[in-house]
């Protein structure tokens, strides 16, 4: 059946604090209420770990970007090109103004935030375009290909790999304004087709309200909830091979996508829409993860699932140490009794941080855990919940409880999980506010097998902790019978962009050297690109080069290092012993 266009809501950052068109409003993820109403537990920990006092938090450190954006960076494109874009899109959807250009120049790494604060503008598009239809995008791609103009895409801007950064100038397509519609909904096949710029909340609200919007028999969900859910776009999920926090049950985006449509330099590419087929290499999988290097993703058809939150069963357990906790998690994933939806296991340092953030250290439970042998900085917190049909959900929760008890896990009921849920999408917003006070926090993640998890965990954390007075937490949040991801978060005193980049590189070195995958779901972009060939292998990486040559021989699609496709040999990192 045909779907009505879905009109999205205005994100809260538009309404709050930062002056319009200021540097601060580009950050977006800052929480202006943090200073007025600090999370006392986090506030206390920052003072303790970094030897700070109340005076350190009375005023901001450095420039936080409240002044208006004013750049000395004229558009370098000839007027004839701007006129051509106006002819395609209309005058209102073509801009060379300062703020719109800077607003799509950076993503959300600590490196991006630090550079903005230092007014270090390394990349800037010459013009920002706001397409509204697939046909408009196809015309723009064709024109940029013909005129040899670099083309970049900005979906939701949540990239933590410099994936959206227009390092060669040219054109940036901002998909947020007009390219965010539901195109069709098919309840018989349980699919929805959307424009790639639609945001997570827009998609989910449309599916939850399918009976009212599309005359469906029931409500649905996409099941994809990354931590960047509120601001990331469906297109961003697809081209980076993203994963949501509920992926252990619903699958990663690579499992949810049914078909895709791309505007490429060689024309329109439409993948097939069947759930399975044996017709050679899978084009859907080839295009996912291309990160704009082959063309612009315009339309996506996604599988959808029945929305049944009333069947959810929450759980949380504490284990005595990381080794025991890993063994319990592995058995849960290999017992073939079904998978939980959220499945999150924290190592000892993260467990300490989480329990303190939930103020457990101020309750009798803190000492009770120690008395029962669940010692601080050894114990590990495991939490999650189940989804699905009522009987299935209940049975999965029952088996998780059985295995947890078998490995000595102590139940903490559903309280901890509910506390985690309250902040599951909001926690990243503290990043920029902490940076106001000279504290940097950022993340990296990788994929491991169960058999090398302990080695990777130990080696990567050792490098992270090489920087003194640094908090380094780790958890697994996307799990499989054969392994899981490891997600590292560091918090340290730092505000300089180049210092951040150098530290970040040492961690990427450690991940590659340890034998883990460079990324589980963040993607590669331009920031991780030097390590990609060294992880995959030279012959294996050659396949990517061939695909790039086929789709985009002139390298106009997201040039400047994306996926390492145009890096110089001396820029690449080879640290695996079996690849040199």
Protein backbone atom coordinates (compact mmCIF):
# COMPACT_ATOMS: atom_id res chain seq x y z
CA UNK A 1 0.00 0.00 0.00
CA UNK A 2 1.13 3.56 -0.57
CA UNK A 3 2.40 5.53 2.40
CA UNK A 4 1.83 9.16 3.30
CA UNK A 5 4.96 11.30 3.76
CA UNK A 6 5.88 11.36 7.43
CA UNK A 7 6.56 14.77 8.93
CA UNK A 8 9.31 14.51 11.54
CA UNK A 9 9.72 16.31 14.83
CA UNK A 10 12.17 19.09 15.63
CA UNK A 11 15.18 17.71 17.53
CA UNK A 12 15.53 19.13 21.03
CA UNK A 13 18.91 20.71 20.32
CA UNK A 14 17.21 23.17 17.99
CA UNK A 15 15.09 24.46 20.84
CA UNK A 16 17.73 24.63 23.57
CA UNK A 17 20.55 26.83 24.74
CA UNK A 18 22.98 27.36 21.87
CA UNK A 19 22.40 30.54 19.83
CA UNK A 20 21.22 29.84 16.31
CA UNK A 21 24.08 29.55 13.79
CA UNK A 22 26.70 29.40 16.56
CA UNK A 23 29.63 27.01 16.77
CA UNK A 24 27.95 25.49 19.83
CA UNK A 25 24.82 24.56 17.89
CA UNK A 26 26.98 22.51 15.51
CA UNK A 27 28.03 20.34 18.47
CA UNK A 28 24.34 19.47 19.05
CA UNK A 29 25.06 16.69 21.49
CA UNK A 30 25.97 19.04 24.35
CA UNK A 31 23.51 19.14 27.25
CA UNK A 32 23.04 22.75 28.38
CA UNK A 33 21.30 21.61 31.56
CA UNK A 34 24.32 19.62 32.74
CA UNK A 35 25.98 22.63 34.36
CA UNK A 36 22.82 23.72 36.14
CA UNK A 37 21.83 20.24 37.24
CA UNK A 38 24.97 18.04 37.12
CA UNK A 39 24.73 14.31 37.57
CA UNK A 40 26.13 14.30 41.08
CA UNK A 41 27.67 10.85 40.82
CA UNK A 42 29.57 11.69 37.61
CA UNK A 43 30.55 15.07 39.03
CA UNK A 44 31.99 13.37 42.10
CA UNK A 45 33.92 10.83 40.02
CA UNK A 46 35.48 13.48 37.78
CA UNK A 47 36.77 15.37 40.81
CA UNK A 48 38.15 12.19 42.34
CA UNK A 49 39.81 10.73 39.24
CA UNK A 50 41.23 13.93 37.79
CA UNK A 51 41.96 15.66 41.10
CA UNK A 52 39.60 18.51 40.31
CA UNK A 53 37.76 20.75 42.76
CA UNK A 54 34.42 22.53 42.74
CA UNK A 55 36.24 25.61 41.47
CA UNK A 56 37.18 23.75 38.29
CA UNK A 57 33.50 23.42 37.46
CA UNK A 58 32.45 26.97 38.23
CA UNK A 59 33.44 28.26 34.81
CA UNK A 60 34.09 26.83 31.38
CA UNK A 61 37.63 26.04 30.27
CA UNK A 62 38.48 27.58 26.93
CA UNK A 63 36.18 28.50 24.08
CA UNK A 64 32.90 26.59 23.93
CA UNK A 65 31.61 28.12 20.71
CA UNK A 66 28.70 30.34 21.69
CA UNK A 67 29.70 33.01 19.16
CA UNK A 68 28.17 33.13 15.65
CA UNK A 69 29.85 31.24 12.82
CA UNK A 70 31.74 33.61 10.54
CA UNK A 71 34.20 32.11 8.09
CA UNK A 72 36.68 33.58 5.67
CA UNK A 73 36.14 30.81 3.15
CA UNK A 74 34.48 31.76 -0.12
CA UNK A 75 32.84 29.20 -2.37
CA UNK A 76 35.36 28.00 -4.95
CA UNK A 77 32.83 26.66 -7.45
CA UNK A 78 32.11 28.62 -10.61
CA UNK A 79 28.75 30.37 -10.77
CA UNK A 80 27.66 28.14 -13.66
CA UNK A 81 27.75 25.13 -11.31
CA UNK A 82 25.66 26.90 -8.68
CA UNK A 83 23.18 27.89 -11.38
CA UNK A 84 22.96 24.24 -12.48
CA UNK A 85 22.18 23.14 -8.93
CA UNK A 86 19.52 25.84 -8.60
CA UNK A 87 17.95 24.58 -11.81
CA UNK A 88 17.76 21.06 -10.35
CA UNK A 89 16.66 21.92 -6.80
CA UNK A 90 15.32 25.46 -6.73
CA UNK A 91 16.97 28.50 -5.17
CA UNK A 92 15.88 27.73 -1.57
CA UNK A 93 17.69 24.38 -1.59
CA UNK A 94 21.14 25.61 -2.59
CA UNK A 95 23.31 27.55 -0.12
CA UNK A 96 26.88 28.81 0.17
CA UNK A 97 26.33 30.50 3.56
CA UNK A 98 28.86 29.96 6.33
CA UNK A 99 26.81 28.14 8.95
CA UNK A 100 25.18 25.52 6.71
CA UNK A 101 28.57 24.71 5.20
CA UNK A 102 30.30 24.29 8.56
CA UNK A 103 27.33 22.39 10.01
CA UNK A 104 27.92 19.50 7.56
CA UNK A 105 31.73 19.61 7.63
CA UNK A 106 32.36 17.48 10.72
CA UNK A 107 30.89 14.45 12.44
CA UNK A 108 30.98 13.51 16.11
CA UNK A 109 34.46 12.30 17.03
CA UNK A 110 36.34 13.93 19.86
CA UNK A 111 38.71 15.10 17.15
CA UNK A 112 35.83 16.93 15.44
CA UNK A 113 34.65 18.58 18.65
CA UNK A 114 38.17 19.68 19.62
CA UNK A 115 38.86 21.08 16.16
CA UNK A 116 35.67 23.13 16.19
CA UNK A 117 36.58 24.59 19.58
CA UNK A 118 40.01 25.50 18.27
CA UNK A 119 38.44 27.02 15.11
CA UNK A 120 40.47 24.49 13.12
CA UNK A 121 38.45 24.21 9.92
CA UNK A 122 40.29 21.59 7.86
CA UNK A 123 37.39 20.74 5.56
CA UNK A 124 34.48 22.68 4.16
CA UNK A 125 32.11 22.06 1.24
CA UNK A 126 31.77 24.84 -1.30
CA UNK A 127 28.01 24.44 -1.43
CA UNK A 128 25.32 22.57 0.53
CA UNK A 129 22.38 21.07 -1.35
CA UNK A 130 19.04 19.89 0.07
CA UNK A 131 17.57 17.26 -2.29
CA UNK A 132 13.98 16.12 -1.89
CA UNK A 133 13.57 13.29 -4.40
CA UNK A 134 15.58 10.39 -5.78
CA UNK A 135 15.46 11.97 -9.24
CA UNK A 136 17.08 15.15 -7.88
CA UNK A 137 19.90 13.16 -6.29
CA UNK A 138 20.45 11.23 -9.52
CA UNK A 139 20.72 14.49 -11.48
CA UNK A 140 23.18 15.94 -8.94
CA UNK A 141 25.37 12.82 -9.07
CA UNK A 142 25.34 12.86 -12.87
CA UNK A 143 26.26 16.54 -12.98
CA UNK A 144 29.07 16.23 -10.39
CA UNK A 145 30.45 13.23 -12.27
CA UNK A 146 30.41 15.08 -15.59
CA UNK A 147 31.95 18.25 -14.13
CA UNK A 148 34.44 16.43 -11.85
CA UNK A 149 33.07 17.98 -8.64
CA UNK A 150 33.68 16.06 -5.36
CA UNK A 151 30.42 14.90 -3.77
CA UNK A 152 29.76 14.10 -0.10
CA UNK A 153 26.64 13.08 1.82
CA UNK A 154 25.55 14.23 5.28
CA UNK A 155 22.81 12.02 6.72
CA UNK A 156 22.46 12.56 10.45
CA UNK A 157 26.02 13.65 11.16
CA UNK A 158 26.63 11.06 13.89
CA UNK A 159 29.76 9.63 12.23
CA UNK A 160 32.65 8.94 14.61
CA UNK A 161 35.05 8.03 11.78
CA UNK A 162 35.22 11.31 9.83
CA UNK A 163 32.92 9.61 7.33
CA UNK A 164 31.07 12.78 6.28
CA UNK A 165 34.03 15.19 6.18
CA UNK A 166 34.35 16.96 2.78
CA UNK A 167 38.14 16.98 2.64
CA UNK A 168 38.18 18.00 -1.05
CA UNK A 169 35.50 20.70 -0.89
CA UNK A 170 32.86 20.47 -3.59
CA UNK A 171 29.26 19.52 -2.81
CA UNK A 172 27.69 18.19 0.38
CA UNK A 173 24.17 16.76 0.21
CA UNK A 174 22.36 17.46 3.49
CA UNK A 175 19.62 14.84 3.63
CA UNK A 176 17.95 15.99 6.87
CA UNK A 177 15.77 18.79 5.54
CA UNK A 178 13.80 17.20 2.68
CA UNK A 179 15.02 13.65 2.02
CA UNK A 180 13.26 11.94 4.92
CA UNK A 181 9.99 10.45 3.67
CA UNK A 182 8.35 7.05 3.94
CA UNK A 183 7.80 5.90 0.35
CA UNK A 184 5.77 2.72 0.88
CA UNK A 185 4.69 0.24 3.54
CA UNK A 186 3.93 -3.42 2.77
CA UNK A 187 2.34 -5.33 5.63
CA UNK A 188 2.07 -8.56 3.62
CA UNK A 189 5.85 -8.71 3.16
CA UNK A 190 6.53 -6.87 6.46
CA UNK A 191 8.69 -4.21 4.79
CA UNK A 192 8.93 -0.44 4.66
CA UNK A 193 10.69 1.62 1.97
CA UNK A 194 12.12 4.99 2.98
CA UNK A 195 14.34 7.77 1.73
CA UNK A 196 17.83 7.39 3.15
CA UNK A 197 17.74 10.66 5.09
CA UNK A 198 14.92 9.63 7.43
CA UNK A 199 15.99 9.63 11.08
CA UNK A 200 15.62 6.82 13.59
CA UNK A 201 12.76 8.46 15.53
CA UNK A 202 10.91 9.36 12.31
CA UNK A 203 11.13 5.77 11.09
CA UNK A 204 10.18 4.23 14.42
CA UNK A 205 7.24 6.55 15.01
CA UNK A 206 5.89 5.76 11.56
CA UNK A 207 6.12 2.02 12.23
CA UNK A 208 4.67 2.24 15.75
CA UNK A 209 1.72 4.14 14.27
CA UNK A 210 1.28 1.90 11.22
CA UNK A 211 -2.42 1.16 11.98
CA UNK A 212 -3.29 4.87 11.93
CA UNK A 213 -0.95 5.89 9.09
CA UNK A 214 -1.23 2.93 6.73
CA UNK A 215 -4.26 0.96 7.89
CA UNK A 216 -2.06 -1.87 9.18
CA UNK A 217 -3.43 -4.58 11.48
CA UNK A 218 -0.81 -3.96 14.17
CA UNK A 219 2.11 -1.77 15.22
CA UNK A 220 5.64 -2.53 14.02
CA UNK A 221 9.24 -1.72 14.86
CA UNK A 222 12.48 -1.67 12.89
CA UNK A 223 14.38 -3.06 15.88
CA UNK A 224 17.44 -0.92 15.11
CA UNK A 225 18.37 1.38 18.00
CA UNK A 226 21.97 2.64 17.89
CA UNK A 227 23.07 4.97 20.68
CA UNK A 228 22.92 7.75 18.08
CA UNK A 229 19.28 6.78 17.38
CA UNK A 230 17.81 10.27 17.89
CA UNK A 231 19.96 11.93 15.21
CA UNK A 232 21.36 9.26 12.90
CA UNK A 233 19.78 8.45 9.55
CA UNK A 234 18.77 5.15 8.00
CA UNK A 235 21.19 5.81 5.15
CA UNK A 236 24.01 6.27 7.64
CA UNK A 237 23.14 2.96 9.30
CA UNK A 238 23.28 1.16 5.96
CA UNK A 239 26.43 2.59 4.39
CA UNK A 240 28.44 2.03 7.59
CA UNK A 241 27.03 -1.45 8.34
CA UNK A 242 25.71 -0.20 11.67
CA UNK A 243 24.30 -2.10 14.63
CA UNK A 244 21.65 -1.13 17.15
CA UNK A 245 21.66 -1.92 20.84
CA UNK A 246 19.00 -4.60 20.25
CA UNK A 247 21.00 -6.35 17.53
CA UNK A 248 21.47 -9.63 19.37
CA UNK A 249 17.79 -10.36 18.67
CA UNK A 250 16.84 -8.23 15.64
CA UNK A 251 20.21 -8.38 13.90
CA UNK A 252 22.51 -5.62 12.65
CA UNK A 253 21.40 -3.36 9.81
CA UNK A 254 22.97 -5.82 7.36
CA UNK A 255 20.35 -8.36 8.51
CA UNK A 256 17.46 -5.87 8.37
CA UNK A 257 18.02 -4.37 4.90
CA UNK A 258 16.09 -6.10 2.12
CA UNK A 259 17.08 -3.89 -0.81
CA UNK A 260 18.78 -0.60 -1.73
CA UNK A 261 18.84 1.97 -4.50
CA UNK A 262 21.91 4.08 -5.34
CA UNK A 263 22.67 7.02 -7.59
CA UNK A 264 26.19 6.31 -8.87
CA UNK A 265 28.49 7.83 -11.51
CA UNK A 266 27.60 4.96 -13.86
CA UNK A 267 23.84 5.32 -13.28
CA UNK A 268 21.16 3.93 -10.97
CA UNK A 269 21.91 0.70 -9.10
CA UNK A 270 18.91 -1.19 -7.69
CA UNK A 271 19.56 -4.35 -5.68
CA UNK A 272 17.06 -7.22 -5.66
CA UNK A 273 14.43 -7.42 -2.91
CA UNK A 274 14.28 -11.12 -2.05
CA UNK A 275 14.96 -12.48 1.44
CA UNK A 276 17.47 -15.02 0.08
CA UNK A 277 18.85 -15.95 -3.33
CA UNK A 278 21.76 -17.84 -4.88
CA UNK A 279 22.61 -15.60 -7.80
CA UNK A 280 26.32 -15.04 -7.33
CA UNK A 281 27.93 -12.60 -4.87
CA UNK A 282 25.31 -10.66 -2.93
CA UNK A 283 25.05 -7.12 -4.30
CA UNK A 284 23.19 -5.94 -1.20
CA UNK A 285 26.14 -6.88 0.97
CA UNK A 286 28.63 -5.39 -1.50
CA UNK A 287 26.89 -2.00 -1.42
CA UNK A 288 26.38 -1.91 2.35
CA UNK A 289 29.47 -0.51 3.96
CA UNK A 290 30.50 1.45 0.85
CA UNK A 291 30.25 4.70 2.85
CA UNK A 292 29.40 6.85 -0.14
CA UNK A 293 32.49 5.80 -2.07
CA UNK A 294 30.47 4.07 -4.82
CA UNK A 295 27.55 6.48 -4.99
CA UNK A 296 24.68 8.01 -2.99
CA UNK A 297 22.19 5.72 -1.25
CA UNK A 298 18.73 7.09 -2.05
CA UNK A 299 16.13 4.48 -1.04
CA UNK A 300 16.15 1.55 1.38
CA UNK A 301 13.66 -1.25 1.94
CA UNK A 302 13.83 -2.62 5.48
CA UNK A 303 12.36 -5.68 7.14
CA UNK A 304 10.08 -4.79 10.03
CA UNK A 305 8.97 -6.68 13.14
CA UNK A 306 5.90 -6.83 15.30
CA UNK A 307 6.03 -4.23 18.08
CA UNK A 308 5.31 -6.06 21.35
CA UNK A 309 6.97 -4.14 24.22
CA UNK A 310 4.49 -5.66 26.69
CA UNK A 311 6.34 -9.00 26.34
CA UNK A 312 9.71 -7.57 27.37
CA UNK A 313 11.53 -9.30 30.26
CA UNK A 314 14.32 -7.31 31.92
CA UNK A 315 17.21 -8.82 33.87
CA UNK A 316 20.54 -7.91 35.44
CA UNK A 317 23.16 -10.02 37.20
CA UNK A 318 26.52 -9.47 38.83
CA UNK A 319 29.37 -11.95 38.26
CA UNK A 320 32.52 -12.31 40.35
CA UNK A 321 35.04 -11.63 37.58
CA UNK A 322 35.50 -11.04 33.86
CA UNK A 323 36.56 -14.61 33.05
CA UNK A 324 33.48 -16.16 34.66
CA UNK A 325 31.20 -13.52 33.15
CA UNK A 326 32.56 -14.17 29.64
CA UNK A 327 32.03 -17.91 30.04
CA UNK A 328 28.42 -17.34 31.14
CA UNK A 329 27.75 -15.00 28.21
CA UNK A 330 29.22 -17.47 25.75
CA UNK A 331 26.99 -20.30 27.01
CA UNK A 332 23.93 -18.04 26.80
CA UNK A 333 24.74 -17.32 23.17
CA UNK A 334 25.51 -20.96 22.31
CA UNK A 335 22.72 -22.77 24.20
CA UNK A 336 20.30 -22.44 21.25
CA UNK A 337 17.40 -21.38 23.45
CA UNK A 338 16.94 -18.04 21.65
CA UNK A 339 18.66 -14.67 22.02
CA UNK A 340 17.94 -11.71 24.22
CA UNK A 341 17.34 -8.35 22.55
CA UNK A 342 19.71 -6.22 24.62
CA UNK A 343 22.67 -8.30 25.84
CA UNK A 344 25.34 -6.19 27.56
CA UNK A 345 28.25 -7.34 29.71
CA UNK A 346 30.56 -4.78 31.35
CA UNK A 347 34.11 -5.42 32.49
CA UNK A 348 35.21 -4.56 36.07
CA UNK A 349 36.16 -0.93 35.39
CA UNK A 350 32.92 -0.20 33.54
CA UNK A 351 30.94 -2.01 36.23
CA UNK A 352 32.48 0.27 38.86
CA UNK A 353 31.56 3.33 36.77
CA UNK A 354 27.99 2.19 36.06
CA UNK A 355 27.15 1.20 39.63
CA UNK A 356 28.45 4.54 40.85
CA UNK A 357 26.49 6.43 38.20
CA UNK A 358 23.39 4.61 39.42
CA UNK A 359 24.38 5.65 42.98
CA UNK A 360 24.66 2.04 44.13
CA UNK A 361 27.83 3.04 46.05
CA UNK A 362 25.58 5.05 48.38
CA UNK A 363 23.32 2.09 49.18
CA UNK A 364 23.77 -1.00 51.41
CA UNK A 365 24.01 -3.09 48.23
CA UNK A 366 27.58 -1.85 47.60
CA UNK A 367 28.93 -3.39 50.79
CA UNK A 368 26.67 -6.43 50.47
CA UNK A 369 28.24 -7.25 47.10
CA UNK A 370 31.73 -7.10 48.65
CA UNK A 371 30.64 -9.31 51.55
CA UNK A 372 29.28 -11.94 49.17
CA UNK A 373 32.51 -12.09 47.17
CA UNK A 374 31.53 -9.75 44.33
CA UNK A 375 34.48 -7.45 44.95
CA UNK A 376 34.70 -3.95 43.51
CA UNK A 377 36.98 -3.68 40.43
CA UNK A 378 36.64 -7.46 39.91
CA UNK A 379 32.87 -7.90 39.60
CA UNK A 380 31.10 -7.60 36.25
CA UNK A 381 27.62 -6.29 35.53
CA UNK A 382 25.43 -8.07 32.98
CA UNK A 383 22.10 -6.58 31.94
CA UNK A 384 19.55 -6.70 29.18
CA UNK A 385 16.05 -7.63 28.18
CA UNK A 386 14.20 -9.97 25.86
CA UNK A 387 11.75 -9.18 23.06
CA UNK A 388 9.41 -11.18 20.84
CA UNK A 389 6.37 -13.39 21.31
CA UNK A 390 5.30 -13.76 24.93
CA UNK A 391 6.26 -17.42 25.37
CA UNK A 392 9.54 -16.97 23.49
CA UNK A 393 10.53 -13.90 25.48
CA UNK A 394 9.75 -15.61 28.76
CA UNK A 395 11.69 -18.73 27.81
CA UNK A 396 14.80 -16.77 26.77
CA UNK A 397 14.77 -14.89 30.08
CA UNK A 398 14.35 -18.17 31.97
CA UNK A 399 17.39 -19.73 30.29
CA UNK A 400 19.51 -16.62 30.86
CA UNK A 401 18.63 -16.78 34.55
CA UNK A 402 19.45 -20.49 34.70
CA UNK A 403 22.87 -20.03 33.10
CA UNK A 404 23.66 -16.92 35.17
CA UNK A 405 23.01 -18.87 38.38
CA UNK A 406 25.12 -21.78 37.09
CA UNK A 407 28.09 -19.38 36.86
CA UNK A 408 27.48 -17.81 40.25
CA UNK A 409 25.64 -14.74 39.01
CA UNK A 410 23.65 -12.78 41.59
CA UNK A 411 20.41 -11.20 40.38
CA UNK A 412 20.07 -7.43 40.70
CA UNK A 413 16.48 -7.58 39.38
CA UNK A 414 15.27 -5.24 36.62
CA UNK A 415 16.18 -2.03 38.48
CA UNK A 416 19.66 -1.63 36.99
CA UNK A 417 18.40 -2.30 33.47
CA UNK A 418 15.67 0.32 33.82
CA UNK A 419 18.27 2.82 35.03
CA UNK A 420 20.44 2.04 32.01
CA UNK A 421 17.46 2.44 29.65
CA UNK A 422 16.83 5.99 30.89
CA UNK A 423 20.22 7.11 29.61
CA UNK A 424 20.76 4.74 26.68
CA UNK A 425 20.32 7.49 24.09
CA UNK A 426 21.24 10.51 26.21
CA UNK A 427 24.66 9.57 27.59
CA UNK A 428 26.61 10.72 24.47
CA UNK A 429 25.24 14.24 24.97
CA UNK A 430 27.45 14.68 28.04
CA UNK A 431 30.57 14.41 25.86
CA UNK A 432 30.65 18.04 24.75
CA UNK A 433 29.71 19.39 28.16
CA UNK A 434 32.56 17.46 29.79
CA UNK A 435 34.88 18.93 27.16
CA UNK A 436 33.85 22.38 28.39
CA UNK A 437 35.82 21.52 31.51
CA UNK A 438 38.79 19.97 29.75
CA UNK A 439 37.63 16.35 29.98
CA UNK A 440 37.54 14.27 26.81
CA UNK A 441 35.53 11.09 26.37
CA UNK A 442 35.31 9.03 23.20
CA UNK A 443 34.85 5.46 22.00
CA UNK A 444 36.32 2.77 19.78
CA UNK A 445 35.02 -0.73 19.13
CA UNK A 446 36.08 -3.94 17.44
CA UNK A 447 34.93 -7.51 16.82
CA UNK A 448 36.49 -10.59 18.42
CA UNK A 449 35.87 -14.31 18.62
CA UNK A 450 35.31 -15.87 22.03
CA UNK A 451 38.71 -17.55 21.72
CA UNK A 452 40.70 -14.30 21.46
CA UNK A 453 38.48 -12.00 23.51
CA UNK A 454 40.64 -12.09 26.65
CA UNK A 455 43.79 -11.28 24.64
CA UNK A 456 42.24 -8.34 22.78
CA UNK A 457 40.64 -6.99 25.95
CA UNK A 458 43.94 -7.04 27.82
CA UNK A 459 46.16 -5.65 25.04
CA UNK A 460 43.90 -2.81 23.94
CA UNK A 461 43.16 -1.69 27.49
CA UNK A 462 46.88 -1.69 28.28
CA UNK A 463 47.48 0.82 25.49
CA UNK A 464 44.46 2.92 26.54
CA UNK A 465 45.78 3.04 30.11
CA UNK A 466 49.25 4.09 28.93
CA UNK A 467 47.90 7.63 29.21
CA UNK A 468 48.03 8.39 32.97
CA UNK A 469 44.89 9.10 34.99
CA UNK A 470 42.59 7.75 32.30
CA UNK A 471 39.33 5.88 32.88
CA UNK A 472 38.97 3.04 30.36
CA UNK A 473 35.76 1.02 30.36
CA UNK A 474 34.85 -1.94 28.16
CA UNK A 475 31.69 -3.86 27.41
CA UNK A 476 30.28 -6.29 24.88
CA UNK A 477 26.91 -5.24 23.50
CA UNK A 478 26.49 -7.17 20.23
CA UNK A 479 26.90 -10.90 20.70
CA UNK A 480 26.87 -14.06 18.58
CA UNK A 481 27.51 -17.79 19.12
CA UNK A 482 31.00 -17.26 17.64
CA UNK A 483 32.02 -14.04 19.39
CA UNK A 484 31.07 -10.46 20.20
CA UNK A 485 32.14 -6.87 19.92
CA UNK A 486 34.31 -5.12 22.50
CA UNK A 487 33.42 -1.46 23.00
CA UNK A 488 36.07 0.72 24.63
CA UNK A 489 35.30 4.10 26.21
CA UNK A 490 38.04 6.36 27.51
CA UNK A 491 37.69 9.45 29.73
CA UNK A 492 40.74 11.63 30.28
CA UNK A 493 41.96 15.20 30.78
CA UNK A 494 42.48 16.39 27.22
CA UNK A 495 41.17 19.11 24.92
CA UNK A 496 43.73 19.46 22.12
CA UNK A 497 42.71 18.03 18.73
CA UNK A 498 46.12 16.73 17.68
CA UNK A 499 46.77 15.20 21.08
CA UNK A 500 43.46 13.36 20.75
CA UNK A 501 44.29 12.14 17.24
CA UNK A 502 47.69 10.79 18.34
CA UNK A 503 46.20 8.95 21.34
CA UNK A 504 43.33 7.59 19.24
CA UNK A 505 45.86 6.22 16.70
CA UNK A 506 47.71 4.24 19.39
CA UNK A 507 44.45 2.47 20.25
CA UNK A 508 43.73 1.66 16.59
CA UNK A 509 47.27 0.28 16.34
CA UNK A 510 46.56 -1.97 19.32
CA UNK A 511 43.26 -3.20 17.89
CA UNK A 512 44.84 -4.19 14.57
CA UNK A 513 47.89 -5.74 16.21
CA UNK A 514 45.73 -7.79 18.59
CA UNK A 515 44.01 -9.51 15.66
CA UNK A 516 40.55 -7.99 16.15
CA UNK A 517 38.39 -6.46 13.41
CA UNK A 518 38.93 -2.69 13.09
CA UNK A 519 35.24 -1.98 13.61
CA UNK A 520 32.08 -3.87 14.47
CA UNK A 521 29.57 -1.15 13.58
CA UNK A 522 31.05 2.36 13.55
CA UNK A 523 32.44 1.94 10.04
CA UNK A 524 35.80 3.10 8.68
CA UNK A 525 35.44 6.57 7.19
CA UNK A 526 38.65 8.58 6.81
CA UNK A 527 39.82 8.28 10.41
CA UNK A 528 40.14 4.49 10.54
CA UNK A 529 41.06 4.12 6.86
CA UNK A 530 44.87 3.81 7.27
CA UNK A 531 44.35 0.58 9.23
CA UNK A 532 41.81 -1.13 6.93
CA UNK A 533 44.07 -2.79 4.35
CA UNK A 534 46.40 -3.92 7.11
CA UNK A 535 43.52 -5.70 8.79
CA UNK A 536 41.90 -7.25 5.71
CA UNK A 537 45.01 -8.22 3.73
CA UNK A 538 46.40 -6.79 0.49
CA UNK A 539 44.78 -9.21 -1.96
CA UNK A 540 41.47 -9.08 -0.11
CA UNK A 541 41.49 -5.27 -0.03
CA UNK A 542 42.13 -5.27 -3.79
CA UNK A 543 38.49 -6.22 -4.31
CA UNK A 544 37.46 -2.83 -2.88
CA UNK A 545 39.76 -1.07 -5.34
CA UNK A 546 38.20 -2.89 -8.28
CA UNK A 547 34.70 -1.94 -7.14
CA UNK A 548 35.73 1.70 -6.74
CA UNK A 549 37.21 1.71 -10.24
CA UNK A 550 33.97 0.28 -11.64
CA UNK A 551 31.55 2.65 -9.91
CA UNK A 552 33.63 5.81 -9.63
CA UNK A 553 36.82 5.79 -11.74
CA UNK A 554 37.34 9.55 -11.31
CA UNK A 555 37.06 9.34 -7.50
CA UNK A 556 34.37 11.99 -7.11
CA UNK A 557 32.30 10.09 -4.52
CA UNK A 558 33.41 10.88 -0.93
CA UNK A 559 37.10 11.29 -1.83
CA UNK A 560 39.89 12.07 0.62
CA UNK A 561 40.61 8.76 2.31
CA UNK A 562 37.23 7.06 2.75
CA UNK A 563 37.85 3.32 3.16
CA UNK A 564 41.51 4.13 2.39
CA UNK A 565 40.77 4.05 -1.33
CA UNK A 566 42.95 7.05 -2.22
CA UNK A 567 45.53 6.95 0.57
CA UNK A 568 49.24 7.00 -0.16
CA UNK A 569 51.10 3.81 0.70
CA UNK A 570 53.13 5.52 3.41
CA UNK A 571 49.92 6.56 5.19
CA UNK A 572 48.75 2.97 5.70
CA UNK A 573 49.28 0.96 8.87
CA UNK A 574 50.33 -2.74 8.76
CA UNK A 575 50.71 -4.17 12.27
CA UNK A 576 49.39 -7.72 11.91
CA UNK A 577 52.30 -10.14 11.91
CA UNK A 578 50.84 -12.11 8.99
CA UNK A 579 50.33 -9.04 6.78
CA UNK A 580 53.20 -6.74 5.79
